[in-house]
Structure formats: structure tokens, C-alpha cells
Amino acid sequence: MVLPERYRPQVLPSERLLESGKAIPAIRSDLRRIPNGRNALSVLMVYVWSAAIAMSAVALSTWWSWLIGFLLMGPMHARFAILMHEAAHKLLFSHQKTNDLVGKWLIAAPAFVPISLYRRSHFAHHKQEFGPQEPDLAFYEGYPTTRAALRRRLFRDAIGISGWKNFTPLFRALKTSPGRSIALPILLVQMALFFGFWAATGSPWSYVAFWLLPWLTQWRVLNRLRAIAEHGGLIASSDRRATTHDVAQHLIARFWFVPYNTGWHLAHHVDMGIPFRNLPRYYKELQAAGYVTSSLTYPSYLALWRAETSASQEPKSNEFPRTNSKKK
């Protein structure tokens, strides 16, 4: 699924970008500025919206309100995950103690993530995608694949098999001293969330219906679809355009599973020091330099998933440029 080199022109360095693709220092300093106030509001709002969804569903007290609440919590888990990713990159707040405290206790622990371990493995991912220390290789390898194979994986995600495999290590970690120091904070935060949901909605089941179950099921589906849209079917390379997909961003996708500009993932991999709010602006710099071309960009996530589940294991030559392809 890697574009031929003729569709990846060697245009760097340019007047505004270095050979690595990073902006020149005069531009980079502005792109890397962290908007602390706006990020604090984002952290607050994920809690406000999560509470509002759960409270509205319980207040309406119908089966369909609970179902809609359950479905809307998938995008909320996506927001917690992306803000946690931002904190792991030390980009959520410019004050590092604040970044780490908020990242650990208010974002990562609610999302069942030990952020210290995540940060270490995720930086290995950025050091060399598809390299020997790649932590997420199981997500990315094996593409293109058949639609039936992807459906089987998504089905296991949707019924909670994948989520349970991610959940049970927390309890196994309690058996060892190093593991307890990682697992206990997460379990304590989950207990606080349980009582918080109960107090807000009046129902002890609201935590299960609107937090635990969406994380075990719906979020696993969204996370897999996002992951393969970022790197599925690509290869280890010094050219980030061969390791990371580029997809045109649309409102529904940005709401449902790629919030906070995470869909500008190629730009993030070219310079992982740029906060999420500035990624679209940096992406335009890459486009203006000719580093990102229309041939490189999939017109939608659906088009990319179709390409990753085609019958052929190699893209056909007439599939390029991608923006002119009607079917993958």
C-alpha cells in the first residue's frame, strides 16, 4: 500500500521546512506553542459531555436513550485517549508537572491506561514505525487483508473479547509490587468514576453502561479502525509518507473517532512536538512545500479501509493517484 516514489517527491529542504520536514526554527517555535487555557477547557469538557450524556440517558429512562448514551460514549473514549496521547507527548500543558498530573489522574487512569508505560512504548513507535520495538505491530501488520478477516477482528472487538484481554492485566498486576504501583491508581480512579456516575445519574448501572461497556466493546472497534487508518499496510522507512497514511478529514470522522485533529497523523509523525491544535496549520506547510500531494491523500477513511481489505495483496497500478480512484 506504499505509494511509488514518483508520488513521493523529494522536495525538502524548502524555504520554510528542513530536510526532516520540520519547520525552520522561526516557524517551529510558534507551531510548538501549547495553548494551556484551551487545553484545560478541553479536559473539562470531556467530563461535562460524559456526565451530560449519562444523565440525559438515565433521565429519559427509555431503552433507546440508554442505547444512544452507550453509542455516544464511544466518541468520548476517543477524546480521553487522544488527550492522554497529547499528555504522553508532554504537549497537553507547558508546565510539565501539571501535564503529568492531569495526564495521569484525569485522562489516562479513567481510560484504563498506565501513562508511564504508554509513553515509553509510544516513543518507541515514533522512533521507528514498524521497527523492532514497535508496540502496535499487531494492529498494523497483515494488511491488505480480506474483508472477512477484518470483520472477524472487529467482531471480537465489538463483543468485548479484545477489551477483556486489555482489562484483565490490571488485576494480574496486583500480584506484584511493581504491578500494584501501576494498577492501583487506575482501579482507584475507576472506583471514583463508579460513584461519580452513580451520584450524577442516580443509577449504579450507569458506570457500566456508559463507561465500562463502551470501553470494552465500542472503543475497541473505533481504536482498531483508527489504528489501521494510520499505519495499516505500510512499511518501515525513513520517509514518513511510507509509514503513515494521509486521509482527508471530514466532520463525521472527526466527531466519531479522530477528534482533536488526530486525523492529521502524517503531520504528527513528521514532527511529534507540535500540539494537536496546530497540526492543521503545520499540515498546510507540508502541502505548500509539495511534501504532501493529492496523490498521497485518501479521500476518506472508507476509501482507505476499502483499499486495506481488497482481494489483492498489492494495490493495482491504476489505483494512483488515489484522489482519482473511485474504488480501492
C-alpha atoms as a PDB file:
ATOM      1  CA  MET A   1       0.000   0.000   0.000  1.00  0.00           C
ATOM      2  CA  VAL A   2       3.042   2.247  -0.194  1.00  0.00           C
ATOM      3  CA  LEU A   3       2.918   4.804  -2.979  1.00  0.00           C
ATOM      4  CA  PRO A   4       5.642   4.511  -5.622  1.00  0.00           C
ATOM      5  CA  GLU A   5       8.459   7.006  -5.198  1.00  0.00           C
ATOM      6  CA  ARG A   6       7.257   9.119  -8.117  1.00  0.00           C
ATOM      7  CA  TYR A   7       4.241  10.033  -5.966  1.00  0.00           C
ATOM      8  CA  ARG A   8       6.514  10.958  -3.038  1.00  0.00           C
ATOM      9  CA  PRO A   9       8.588  13.796  -4.479  1.00  0.00           C
ATOM     10  CA  GLN A  10      11.824  14.728  -2.728  1.00  0.00           C
ATOM     11  CA  VAL A  11      11.139  18.431  -2.243  1.00  0.00           C
ATOM     12  CA  LEU A  12      12.889  19.076   1.068  1.00  0.00           C
ATOM     13  CA  PRO A  13      14.529  21.150   2.344  1.00  0.00           C
ATOM     14  CA  SER A  14      12.448  24.128   1.276  1.00  0.00           C
ATOM     15  CA  GLU A  15      12.339  27.776   2.235  1.00  0.00           C
ATOM     16  CA  ARG A  16      10.181  27.040   5.298  1.00  0.00           C
ATOM     17  CA  LEU A  17      10.906  23.355   6.050  1.00  0.00           C
ATOM     18  CA  LEU A  18      14.077  21.491   6.907  1.00  0.00           C
ATOM     19  CA  GLU A  19      15.190  18.270   5.247  1.00  0.00           C
ATOM     20  CA  SER A  20      13.461  16.298   8.029  1.00  0.00           C
ATOM     21  CA  GLY A  21      10.163  18.045   7.258  1.00  0.00           C
ATOM     22  CA  LYS A  22      10.198  20.019  10.489  1.00  0.00           C
ATOM     23  CA  ALA A  23       9.636  23.737  10.147  1.00  0.00           C
ATOM     24  CA  ILE A  24      12.577  26.100  10.304  1.00  0.00           C
ATOM     25  CA  PRO A  25      13.167  27.423  13.880  1.00  0.00           C
ATOM     26  CA  ALA A  26      11.452  30.777  13.266  1.00  0.00           C
ATOM     27  CA  ILE A  27       8.232  28.999  12.311  1.00  0.00           C
ATOM     28  CA  ARG A  28       8.598  25.955  14.544  1.00  0.00           C
ATOM     29  CA  SER A  29       8.588  27.961  17.781  1.00  0.00           C
ATOM     30  CA  ASP A  30       5.106  29.265  17.009  1.00  0.00           C
ATOM     31  CA  LEU A  31       3.811  25.876  15.834  1.00  0.00           C
ATOM     32  CA  ARG A  32       5.027  24.253  19.049  1.00  0.00           C
ATOM     33  CA  ARG A  33       3.361  26.763  21.366  1.00  0.00           C
ATOM     34  CA  ILE A  34       0.994  24.948  23.763  1.00  0.00           C
ATOM     35  CA  PRO A  35      -2.398  26.673  24.348  1.00  0.00           C
ATOM     36  CA  ASN A  36      -2.771  25.884  28.047  1.00  0.00           C
ATOM     37  CA  GLY A  37      -6.119  27.579  28.583  1.00  0.00           C
ATOM     38  CA  ARG A  38      -7.838  25.941  25.614  1.00  0.00           C
ATOM     39  CA  ASN A  39      -6.427  22.543  26.566  1.00  0.00           C
ATOM     40  CA  ALA A  40      -7.698  22.949  30.124  1.00  0.00           C
ATOM     41  CA  LEU A  41     -11.134  23.670  28.676  1.00  0.00           C
ATOM     42  CA  SER A  42     -10.895  20.514  26.544  1.00  0.00           C
ATOM     43  CA  VAL A  43     -10.138  18.417  29.638  1.00  0.00           C
ATOM     44  CA  LEU A  44     -13.078  19.979  31.474  1.00  0.00           C
ATOM     45  CA  MET A  45     -15.446  19.455  28.566  1.00  0.00           C
ATOM     46  CA  VAL A  46     -14.780  15.719  28.186  1.00  0.00           C
ATOM     47  CA  TYR A  47     -16.080  15.368  31.726  1.00  0.00           C
ATOM     48  CA  VAL A  48     -19.000  17.734  31.148  1.00  0.00           C
ATOM     49  CA  TRP A  49     -20.108  15.926  27.996  1.00  0.00           C
ATOM     50  CA  SER A  50     -19.638  12.463  29.519  1.00  0.00           C
ATOM     51  CA  ALA A  51     -21.775  13.442  32.501  1.00  0.00           C
ATOM     52  CA  ALA A  52     -24.388  15.110  30.298  1.00  0.00           C
ATOM     53  CA  ILE A  53     -24.724  12.022  28.088  1.00  0.00           C
ATOM     54  CA  ALA A  54     -25.141   9.661  31.049  1.00  0.00           C
ATOM     55  CA  MET A  55     -27.507  11.960  32.948  1.00  0.00           C
ATOM     56  CA  SER A  56     -29.704  12.572  29.897  1.00  0.00           C
ATOM     57  CA  ALA A  57     -29.927   8.868  29.079  1.00  0.00           C
ATOM     58  CA  VAL A  58     -30.955   7.926  32.619  1.00  0.00           C
ATOM     59  CA  ALA A  59     -33.341  10.877  32.970  1.00  0.00           C
ATOM     60  CA  LEU A  60     -35.208   9.877  29.794  1.00  0.00           C
ATOM     61  CA  SER A  61     -35.333   6.331  31.178  1.00  0.00           C
ATOM     62  CA  THR A  62     -36.033   4.516  27.916  1.00  0.00           C
ATOM     63  CA  TRP A  63     -34.194   1.661  26.240  1.00  0.00           C
ATOM     64  CA  TRP A  64     -33.310   3.859  23.279  1.00  0.00           C
ATOM     65  CA  SER A  65     -31.914   6.661  25.466  1.00  0.00           C
ATOM     66  CA  TRP A  66     -29.595   4.157  27.154  1.00  0.00           C
ATOM     67  CA  LEU A  67     -28.578   2.811  23.746  1.00  0.00           C
ATOM     68  CA  ILE A  68     -27.864   6.289  22.366  1.00  0.00           C
ATOM     69  CA  GLY A  69     -25.933   7.110  25.534  1.00  0.00           C
ATOM     70  CA  PHE A  70     -23.867   3.951  25.124  1.00  0.00           C
ATOM     71  CA  LEU A  71     -23.110   4.799  21.480  1.00  0.00           C
ATOM     72  CA  LEU A  72     -22.163   8.410  22.221  1.00  0.00           C
ATOM     73  CA  MET A  73     -19.689   7.300  24.857  1.00  0.00           C
ATOM     74  CA  GLY A  74     -17.515   5.699  22.164  1.00  0.00           C
ATOM     75  CA  PRO A  75     -16.513   9.144  20.840  1.00  0.00           C
ATOM     76  CA  MET A  76     -15.949  10.275  24.427  1.00  0.00           C
ATOM     77  CA  HIS A  77     -13.493   7.423  24.981  1.00  0.00           C
ATOM     78  CA  ALA A  78     -11.774   8.538  21.782  1.00  0.00           C
ATOM     79  CA  ARG A  79     -11.400  12.001  23.285  1.00  0.00           C
ATOM     80  CA  PHE A  80      -9.929  10.686  26.512  1.00  0.00           C
ATOM     81  CA  ALA A  81      -7.489   8.558  24.514  1.00  0.00           C
ATOM     82  CA  ILE A  82      -6.307  11.429  22.321  1.00  0.00           C
ATOM     83  CA  LEU A  83      -5.894  13.834  25.236  1.00  0.00           C
ATOM     84  CA  MET A  84      -3.930  11.087  27.013  1.00  0.00           C
ATOM     85  CA  HIS A  85      -1.769  10.753  23.890  1.00  0.00           C
ATOM     86  CA  GLU A  86      -1.193  14.508  23.997  1.00  0.00           C
ATOM     87  CA  ALA A  87      -0.154  14.338  27.650  1.00  0.00           C
ATOM     88  CA  ALA A  88       2.171  11.418  26.883  1.00  0.00           C
ATOM     89  CA  HIS A  89       3.900  13.663  24.342  1.00  0.00           C
ATOM     90  CA  LYS A  90       4.134  16.366  27.074  1.00  0.00           C
ATOM     91  CA  LEU A  91       2.029  18.667  24.916  1.00  0.00           C
ATOM     92  CA  LEU A  92      -1.160  18.977  26.962  1.00  0.00           C
ATOM     93  CA  PHE A  93       0.268  21.658  29.278  1.00  0.00           C
ATOM     94  CA  SER A  94       3.537  23.543  29.063  1.00  0.00           C
ATOM     95  CA  HIS A  95       4.111  23.129  32.828  1.00  0.00           C
ATOM     96  CA  GLN A  96       5.369  19.542  32.979  1.00  0.00           C
ATOM     97  CA  LYS A  97       4.130  18.693  36.483  1.00  0.00           C
ATOM     98  CA  THR A  98       0.664  19.880  35.532  1.00  0.00           C
ATOM     99  CA  ASN A  99       0.866  17.976  32.259  1.00  0.00           C
ATOM    100  CA  ASP A 100       1.821  14.747  34.015  1.00  0.00           C
ATOM    101  CA  LEU A 101      -0.597  15.065  36.932  1.00  0.00           C
ATOM    102  CA  VAL A 102      -3.599  15.868  34.750  1.00  0.00           C
ATOM    103  CA  GLY A 103      -2.497  13.327  32.171  1.00  0.00           C
ATOM    104  CA  LYS A 104      -2.166  10.535  34.714  1.00  0.00           C
ATOM    105  CA  TRP A 105      -5.110  11.121  37.048  1.00  0.00           C
ATOM    106  CA  LEU A 106      -7.766  12.898  34.973  1.00  0.00           C
ATOM    107  CA  ILE A 107      -7.146  11.453  31.499  1.00  0.00           C
ATOM    108  CA  ALA A 108      -5.096   8.241  31.396  1.00  0.00           C
ATOM    109  CA  ALA A 109      -6.398   6.478  34.527  1.00  0.00           C
ATOM    110  CA  PRO A 110     -10.054   6.985  33.512  1.00  0.00           C
ATOM    111  CA  ALA A 111      -9.091   5.469  30.133  1.00  0.00           C
ATOM    112  CA  PHE A 112      -7.502   2.430  31.881  1.00  0.00           C
ATOM    113  CA  VAL A 113      -4.028   3.428  30.642  1.00  0.00           C
ATOM    114  CA  PRO A 114      -0.795   3.461  32.687  1.00  0.00           C
ATOM    115  CA  ILE A 115       0.588   6.570  31.056  1.00  0.00           C
ATOM    116  CA  SER A 116       4.214   5.986  32.080  1.00  0.00           C
ATOM    117  CA  LEU A 117       4.271   2.637  30.259  1.00  0.00           C
ATOM    118  CA  TYR A 118       2.309   4.054  27.349  1.00  0.00           C
ATOM    119  CA  ARG A 119       4.743   6.965  26.951  1.00  0.00           C
ATOM    120  CA  ARG A 120       7.740   4.634  26.812  1.00  0.00           C
ATOM    121  CA  SER A 121       6.230   2.303  24.223  1.00  0.00           C
ATOM    122  CA  HIS A 122       4.690   5.098  22.191  1.00  0.00           C
ATOM    123  CA  PHE A 123       8.005   6.894  21.837  1.00  0.00           C
ATOM    124  CA  ALA A 124       9.439   3.623  20.528  1.00  0.00           C
ATOM    125  CA  HIS A 125       6.686   3.734  17.919  1.00  0.00           C
ATOM    126  CA  HIS A 126       7.725   7.228  16.885  1.00  0.00           C
ATOM    127  CA  LYS A 127      11.409   6.365  16.863  1.00  0.00           C
ATOM    128  CA  GLN A 128      10.851   3.808  14.117  1.00  0.00           C
ATOM    129  CA  GLU A 129       7.424   2.834  12.865  1.00  0.00           C
ATOM    130  CA  PHE A 130       7.423  -0.913  12.115  1.00  0.00           C
ATOM    131  CA  GLY A 131      10.803  -1.180  13.829  1.00  0.00           C
ATOM    132  CA  PRO A 132      11.941  -3.918  16.241  1.00  0.00           C
ATOM    133  CA  GLN A 133      10.446  -2.073  19.246  1.00  0.00           C
ATOM    134  CA  GLU A 134       7.131  -1.209  17.549  1.00  0.00           C
ATOM    135  CA  PRO A 135       4.479  -1.743  20.281  1.00  0.00           C
ATOM    136  CA  ASP A 136       1.444  -1.723  17.992  1.00  0.00           C
ATOM    137  CA  LEU A 137       2.662  -4.021  15.227  1.00  0.00           C
ATOM    138  CA  ALA A 138      -0.186  -6.464  15.853  1.00  0.00           C
ATOM    139  CA  PHE A 139      -2.607  -3.692  14.843  1.00  0.00           C
ATOM    140  CA  TYR A 140      -0.816  -2.781  11.607  1.00  0.00           C
ATOM    141  CA  GLU A 141       0.611  -5.959  10.115  1.00  0.00           C
ATOM    142  CA  GLY A 142      -1.265  -8.232   7.759  1.00  0.00           C
ATOM    143  CA  TYR A 143      -2.790  -5.548   5.545  1.00  0.00           C
ATOM    144  CA  PRO A 144      -4.147  -5.548   2.904  1.00  0.00           C
ATOM    145  CA  THR A 145      -6.407  -8.349   4.121  1.00  0.00           C
ATOM    146  CA  THR A 146      -9.790  -9.735   3.210  1.00  0.00           C
ATOM    147  CA  ARG A 147     -12.997  -8.081   4.323  1.00  0.00           C
ATOM    148  CA  ALA A 148     -13.942 -11.302   6.101  1.00  0.00           C
ATOM    149  CA  ALA A 149     -10.724 -11.205   8.135  1.00  0.00           C
ATOM    150  CA  LEU A 150     -11.303  -7.606   9.177  1.00  0.00           C
ATOM    151  CA  ARG A 151     -14.914  -8.377  10.074  1.00  0.00           C
ATOM    152  CA  ARG A 152     -13.726 -11.201  12.353  1.00  0.00           C
ATOM    153  CA  ARG A 153     -11.320  -8.848  14.134  1.00  0.00           C
ATOM    154  CA  LEU A 154     -13.962  -6.148  14.515  1.00  0.00           C
ATOM    155  CA  PHE A 155     -16.487  -8.711  15.757  1.00  0.00           C
ATOM    156  CA  ARG A 156     -14.074  -9.818  18.503  1.00  0.00           C
ATOM    157  CA  ASP A 157     -13.647  -6.157  19.388  1.00  0.00           C
ATOM    158  CA  ALA A 158     -17.383  -5.461  19.368  1.00  0.00           C
ATOM    159  CA  ILE A 159     -18.335  -8.314  21.723  1.00  0.00           C
ATOM    160  CA  GLY A 160     -15.616  -7.459  24.237  1.00  0.00           C
ATOM    161  CA  ILE A 161     -13.021 -10.195  23.644  1.00  0.00           C
ATOM    162  CA  SER A 162     -10.256  -7.717  22.793  1.00  0.00           C
ATOM    163  CA  GLY A 163     -11.321  -5.350  25.568  1.00  0.00           C
ATOM    164  CA  TRP A 164     -11.286  -8.127  28.167  1.00  0.00           C
ATOM    165  CA  LYS A 165      -7.733  -9.041  27.149  1.00  0.00           C
ATOM    166  CA  ASN A 166      -6.765  -5.414  27.800  1.00  0.00           C
ATOM    167  CA  PHE A 167      -8.713  -5.280  31.065  1.00  0.00           C
ATOM    168  CA  THR A 168      -7.566  -8.406  32.940  1.00  0.00           C
ATOM    169  CA  PRO A 169      -3.836  -7.468  33.147  1.00  0.00           C
ATOM    170  CA  LEU A 170      -4.832  -4.755  35.654  1.00  0.00           C
ATOM    171  CA  PHE A 171      -5.900  -7.419  38.149  1.00  0.00           C
ATOM    172  CA  ARG A 172      -2.947  -9.690  37.424  1.00  0.00           C
ATOM    173  CA  ALA A 173      -0.647  -6.717  38.068  1.00  0.00           C
ATOM    174  CA  LEU A 174      -1.927  -6.528  41.665  1.00  0.00           C
ATOM    175  CA  LYS A 175       0.000  -9.715  42.479  1.00  0.00           C
ATOM    176  CA  THR A 176       3.395  -7.989  42.273  1.00  0.00           C
ATOM    177  CA  SER A 177       4.735  -4.878  43.986  1.00  0.00           C
ATOM    178  CA  PRO A 178       5.763  -3.062  40.766  1.00  0.00           C
ATOM    179  CA  GLY A 179       2.437  -4.006  39.190  1.00  0.00           C
ATOM    180  CA  ARG A 180       0.405  -2.692  42.129  1.00  0.00           C
ATOM    181  CA  SER A 181       2.008   0.733  41.812  1.00  0.00           C
ATOM    182  CA  ILE A 182       0.701   0.860  38.237  1.00  0.00           C
ATOM    183  CA  ALA A 183      -2.672  -0.851  38.615  1.00  0.00           C
ATOM    184  CA  LEU A 184      -3.898   0.600  41.924  1.00  0.00           C
ATOM    185  CA  PRO A 185      -4.116   4.250  40.764  1.00  0.00           C
ATOM    186  CA  ILE A 186      -6.176   3.160  37.760  1.00  0.00           C
ATOM    187  CA  LEU A 187      -8.512   0.993  39.835  1.00  0.00           C
ATOM    188  CA  LEU A 188      -8.943   3.737  42.437  1.00  0.00           C
ATOM    189  CA  VAL A 189      -9.878   6.230  39.719  1.00  0.00           C
ATOM    190  CA  GLN A 190     -12.332   3.710  38.259  1.00  0.00           C
ATOM    191  CA  MET A 191     -13.916   3.339  41.690  1.00  0.00           C
ATOM    192  CA  ALA A 192     -14.239   7.119  41.899  1.00  0.00           C
ATOM    193  CA  LEU A 193     -15.840   7.147  38.457  1.00  0.00           C
ATOM    194  CA  PHE A 194     -18.294   4.440  39.546  1.00  0.00           C
ATOM    195  CA  PHE A 195     -19.504   6.526  42.466  1.00  0.00           C
ATOM    196  CA  GLY A 196     -19.386   9.683  40.350  1.00  0.00           C
ATOM    197  CA  PHE A 197     -21.668   8.208  37.704  1.00  0.00           C
ATOM    198  CA  TRP A 198     -23.958   6.862  40.411  1.00  0.00           C
ATOM    199  CA  ALA A 199     -24.187  10.231  42.151  1.00  0.00           C
ATOM    200  CA  ALA A 200     -24.769  12.126  38.898  1.00  0.00           C
ATOM    201  CA  THR A 201     -27.425   9.815  37.469  1.00  0.00           C
ATOM    202  CA  GLY A 202     -28.938   8.066  40.481  1.00  0.00           C
ATOM    203  CA  SER A 203     -28.264   4.707  38.857  1.00  0.00           C
ATOM    204  CA  PRO A 204     -25.450   2.348  39.954  1.00  0.00           C
ATOM    205  CA  TRP A 205     -25.602   0.791  36.470  1.00  0.00           C
ATOM    206  CA  SER A 206     -24.675   3.990  34.679  1.00  0.00           C
ATOM    207  CA  TYR A 207     -20.928   3.424  35.129  1.00  0.00           C
ATOM    208  CA  VAL A 208     -21.202   0.002  33.497  1.00  0.00           C
ATOM    209  CA  ALA A 209     -23.499   1.103  30.684  1.00  0.00           C
ATOM    210  CA  PHE A 210     -21.826   4.394  29.835  1.00  0.00           C
ATOM    211  CA  TRP A 211     -18.199   3.839  30.741  1.00  0.00           C
ATOM    212  CA  LEU A 212     -17.022   0.260  31.204  1.00  0.00           C
ATOM    213  CA  LEU A 213     -19.033  -1.436  28.442  1.00  0.00           C
ATOM    214  CA  PRO A 214     -18.298   1.204  25.764  1.00  0.00           C
ATOM    215  CA  TRP A 215     -14.594   0.917  26.620  1.00  0.00           C
ATOM    216  CA  LEU A 216     -14.672  -2.885  26.437  1.00  0.00           C
ATOM    217  CA  THR A 217     -16.597  -3.006  23.153  1.00  0.00           C
ATOM    218  CA  GLN A 218     -17.276   0.066  21.051  1.00  0.00           C
ATOM    219  CA  TRP A 219     -13.967   1.797  21.763  1.00  0.00           C
ATOM    220  CA  ARG A 220     -12.024  -1.326  20.715  1.00  0.00           C
ATOM    221  CA  VAL A 221     -13.727  -1.160  17.292  1.00  0.00           C
ATOM    222  CA  LEU A 222     -13.044   2.558  16.892  1.00  0.00           C
ATOM    223  CA  ASN A 223      -9.463   2.175  18.058  1.00  0.00           C
ATOM    224  CA  ARG A 224      -8.708  -0.600  15.563  1.00  0.00           C
ATOM    225  CA  LEU A 225     -10.269   1.310  12.665  1.00  0.00           C
ATOM    226  CA  ARG A 226      -8.258   4.394  13.588  1.00  0.00           C
ATOM    227  CA  ALA A 227      -5.027   2.434  14.016  1.00  0.00           C
ATOM    228  CA  ILE A 228      -5.158   0.706  10.641  1.00  0.00           C
ATOM    229  CA  ALA A 229      -6.109   4.023   9.044  1.00  0.00           C
ATOM    230  CA  GLU A 230      -2.904   5.472  10.449  1.00  0.00           C
ATOM    231  CA  HIS A 231      -0.382   2.758   9.574  1.00  0.00           C
ATOM    232  CA  GLY A 232      -2.046  -0.380   8.205  1.00  0.00           C
ATOM    233  CA  GLY A 233      -0.276  -1.998   5.264  1.00  0.00           C
ATOM    234  CA  LEU A 234       2.761   0.279   5.284  1.00  0.00           C
ATOM    235  CA  ILE A 235       6.473  -0.375   5.884  1.00  0.00           C
ATOM    236  CA  ALA A 236       9.489   0.722   7.920  1.00  0.00           C
ATOM    237  CA  SER A 237      11.088   3.670   6.143  1.00  0.00           C
ATOM    238  CA  SER A 238      12.895   6.943   6.773  1.00  0.00           C
ATOM    239  CA  ASP A 239      10.200   8.557   4.599  1.00  0.00           C
ATOM    240  CA  ARG A 240       7.199   9.152   6.858  1.00  0.00           C
ATOM    241  CA  ARG A 241       4.959   9.036   3.797  1.00  0.00           C
ATOM    242  CA  ALA A 242       5.764   5.320   3.546  1.00  0.00           C
ATOM    243  CA  THR A 243       4.982   4.664   7.228  1.00  0.00           C
ATOM    244  CA  THR A 244       1.883   6.791   7.800  1.00  0.00           C
ATOM    245  CA  HIS A 245      -1.308   7.204   5.780  1.00  0.00           C
ATOM    246  CA  ASP A 246      -2.770  10.579   4.911  1.00  0.00           C
ATOM    247  CA  VAL A 247      -6.573  10.878   4.869  1.00  0.00           C
ATOM    248  CA  ALA A 248      -8.805  13.829   4.034  1.00  0.00           C
ATOM    249  CA  GLN A 249     -10.662  14.935   7.159  1.00  0.00           C
ATOM    250  CA  HIS A 250     -14.446  15.091   7.344  1.00  0.00           C
ATOM    251  CA  LEU A 251     -16.800  16.146  10.129  1.00  0.00           C
ATOM    252  CA  ILE A 252     -18.319  12.742  10.968  1.00  0.00           C
ATOM    253  CA  ALA A 253     -14.942  11.020  11.282  1.00  0.00           C
ATOM    254  CA  ARG A 254     -13.553  13.880  13.358  1.00  0.00           C
ATOM    255  CA  PHE A 255     -16.526  13.630  15.713  1.00  0.00           C
ATOM    256  CA  TRP A 256     -16.630   9.855  15.971  1.00  0.00           C
ATOM    257  CA  PHE A 257     -13.082   8.539  16.247  1.00  0.00           C
ATOM    258  CA  VAL A 258     -10.386  11.065  15.216  1.00  0.00           C
ATOM    259  CA  PRO A 259     -11.107  14.096  17.437  1.00  0.00           C
ATOM    260  CA  TYR A 260      -8.650  16.828  18.386  1.00  0.00           C
ATOM    261  CA  ASN A 261      -7.025  16.906  14.934  1.00  0.00           C
ATOM    262  CA  THR A 262      -5.590  13.417  15.353  1.00  0.00           C
ATOM    263  CA  GLY A 263      -6.556  12.703  11.747  1.00  0.00           C
ATOM    264  CA  TRP A 264      -3.634  14.873  10.609  1.00  0.00           C
ATOM    265  CA  HIS A 265      -1.484  11.935  11.602  1.00  0.00           C
ATOM    266  CA  LEU A 266       1.175  12.242   8.923  1.00  0.00           C
ATOM    267  CA  ALA A 267       1.970  15.764  10.144  1.00  0.00           C
ATOM    268  CA  HIS A 268       2.161  14.421  13.705  1.00  0.00           C
ATOM    269  CA  HIS A 269       4.738  11.828  12.668  1.00  0.00           C
ATOM    270  CA  VAL A 270       6.855  14.305  10.746  1.00  0.00           C
ATOM    271  CA  ASP A 271       7.066  16.497  13.858  1.00  0.00           C
ATOM    272  CA  MET A 272       5.691  14.897  17.025  1.00  0.00           C
ATOM    273  CA  GLY A 273       6.458  18.045  19.025  1.00  0.00           C
ATOM    274  CA  ILE A 274       3.564  20.038  17.577  1.00  0.00           C
ATOM    275  CA  PRO A 275       0.410  20.262  19.765  1.00  0.00           C
ATOM    276  CA  PHE A 276      -2.769  18.912  18.239  1.00  0.00           C
ATOM    277  CA  ARG A 277      -4.365  22.333  17.746  1.00  0.00           C
ATOM    278  CA  ASN A 278      -1.552  23.388  15.398  1.00  0.00           C
ATOM    279  CA  LEU A 279      -1.414  20.228  13.281  1.00  0.00           C
ATOM    280  CA  PRO A 280      -3.750  21.519  10.521  1.00  0.00           C
ATOM    281  CA  ARG A 281      -1.601  24.637  10.138  1.00  0.00           C
ATOM    282  CA  TYR A 282       1.575  22.579  10.005  1.00  0.00           C
ATOM    283  CA  TYR A 283      -0.053  20.207   7.509  1.00  0.00           C
ATOM    284  CA  LYS A 284      -0.649  23.166   5.201  1.00  0.00           C
ATOM    285  CA  GLU A 285       3.077  23.906   5.371  1.00  0.00           C
ATOM    286  CA  LEU A 286       3.783  20.344   4.226  1.00  0.00           C
ATOM    287  CA  GLN A 287       1.284  20.739   1.399  1.00  0.00           C
ATOM    288  CA  ALA A 288       2.700  24.100   0.328  1.00  0.00           C
ATOM    289  CA  ALA A 289       6.188  22.584   0.151  1.00  0.00           C
ATOM    290  CA  GLY A 290       4.933  19.758  -2.075  1.00  0.00           C
ATOM    291  CA  TYR A 291       5.746  17.110   0.535  1.00  0.00           C
ATOM    292  CA  VAL A 292       2.070  16.145   0.763  1.00  0.00           C
ATOM    293  CA  THR A 293       0.364  15.816  -2.617  1.00  0.00           C
ATOM    294  CA  SER A 294      -3.168  14.958  -3.693  1.00  0.00           C
ATOM    295  CA  SER A 295      -1.909  11.571  -4.899  1.00  0.00           C
ATOM    296  CA  LEU A 296      -0.826  10.750  -1.368  1.00  0.00           C
ATOM    297  CA  THR A 297      -4.163  11.506   0.263  1.00  0.00           C
ATOM    298  CA  TYR A 298      -7.087   9.113   0.560  1.00  0.00           C
ATOM    299  CA  PRO A 299     -10.374  10.970   0.020  1.00  0.00           C
ATOM    300  CA  SER A 300     -11.988   9.353   3.082  1.00  0.00           C
ATOM    301  CA  TYR A 301     -11.445   6.738   5.754  1.00  0.00           C
ATOM    302  CA  LEU A 302     -13.908   4.487   3.975  1.00  0.00           C
ATOM    303  CA  ALA A 303     -11.760   4.627   0.826  1.00  0.00           C
ATOM    304  CA  LEU A 304      -8.691   3.685   2.862  1.00  0.00           C
ATOM    305  CA  TRP A 305     -10.423   0.786   4.634  1.00  0.00           C
ATOM    306  CA  ARG A 306     -11.609  -0.483   1.251  1.00  0.00           C
ATOM    307  CA  ALA A 307      -8.028  -0.394  -0.010  1.00  0.00           C
ATOM    308  CA  GLU A 308      -6.878  -2.295   3.056  1.00  0.00           C
ATOM    309  CA  THR A 309      -9.473  -5.013   2.519  1.00  0.00           C
ATOM    310  CA  SER A 310      -9.199  -5.518  -1.222  1.00  0.00           C
ATOM    311  CA  ALA A 311      -8.878  -9.036  -2.600  1.00  0.00           C
ATOM    312  CA  SER A 312      -5.428  -8.328  -3.990  1.00  0.00           C
ATOM    313  CA  GLN A 313      -2.476  -8.139  -1.601  1.00  0.00           C
ATOM    314  CA  GLU A 314      -0.860  -5.438  -3.735  1.00  0.00           C
ATOM    315  CA  PRO A 315      -2.505  -2.211  -4.967  1.00  0.00           C
ATOM    316  CA  LYS A 316      -3.080  -2.091  -8.682  1.00  0.00           C
ATOM    317  CA  SER A 317      -1.061   0.391 -10.664  1.00  0.00           C
ATOM    318  CA  ASN A 318      -4.194   2.160 -11.865  1.00  0.00           C
ATOM    319  CA  GLU A 319      -5.145   2.967  -8.283  1.00  0.00           C
ATOM    320  CA  PHE A 320      -2.840   6.001  -8.381  1.00  0.00           C
ATOM    321  CA  PRO A 321      -3.295   8.825  -7.853  1.00  0.00           C
ATOM    322  CA  ARG A 322      -5.627   7.981  -5.008  1.00  0.00           C
ATOM    323  CA  THR A 323      -7.835  11.029  -5.283  1.00  0.00           C
ATOM    324  CA  ASN A 324      -8.866   9.887  -8.755  1.00  0.00           C
ATOM    325  CA  SER A 325      -9.693   6.347  -7.702  1.00  0.00           C
ATOM    326  CA  LYS A 326     -13.373   5.576  -7.490  1.00  0.00           C
ATOM    327  CA  LYS A 327     -12.827   2.223  -5.855  1.00  0.00           C
ATOM    328  CA  LYS A 328      -9.970   0.642  -3.958  1.00  0.00           C
END
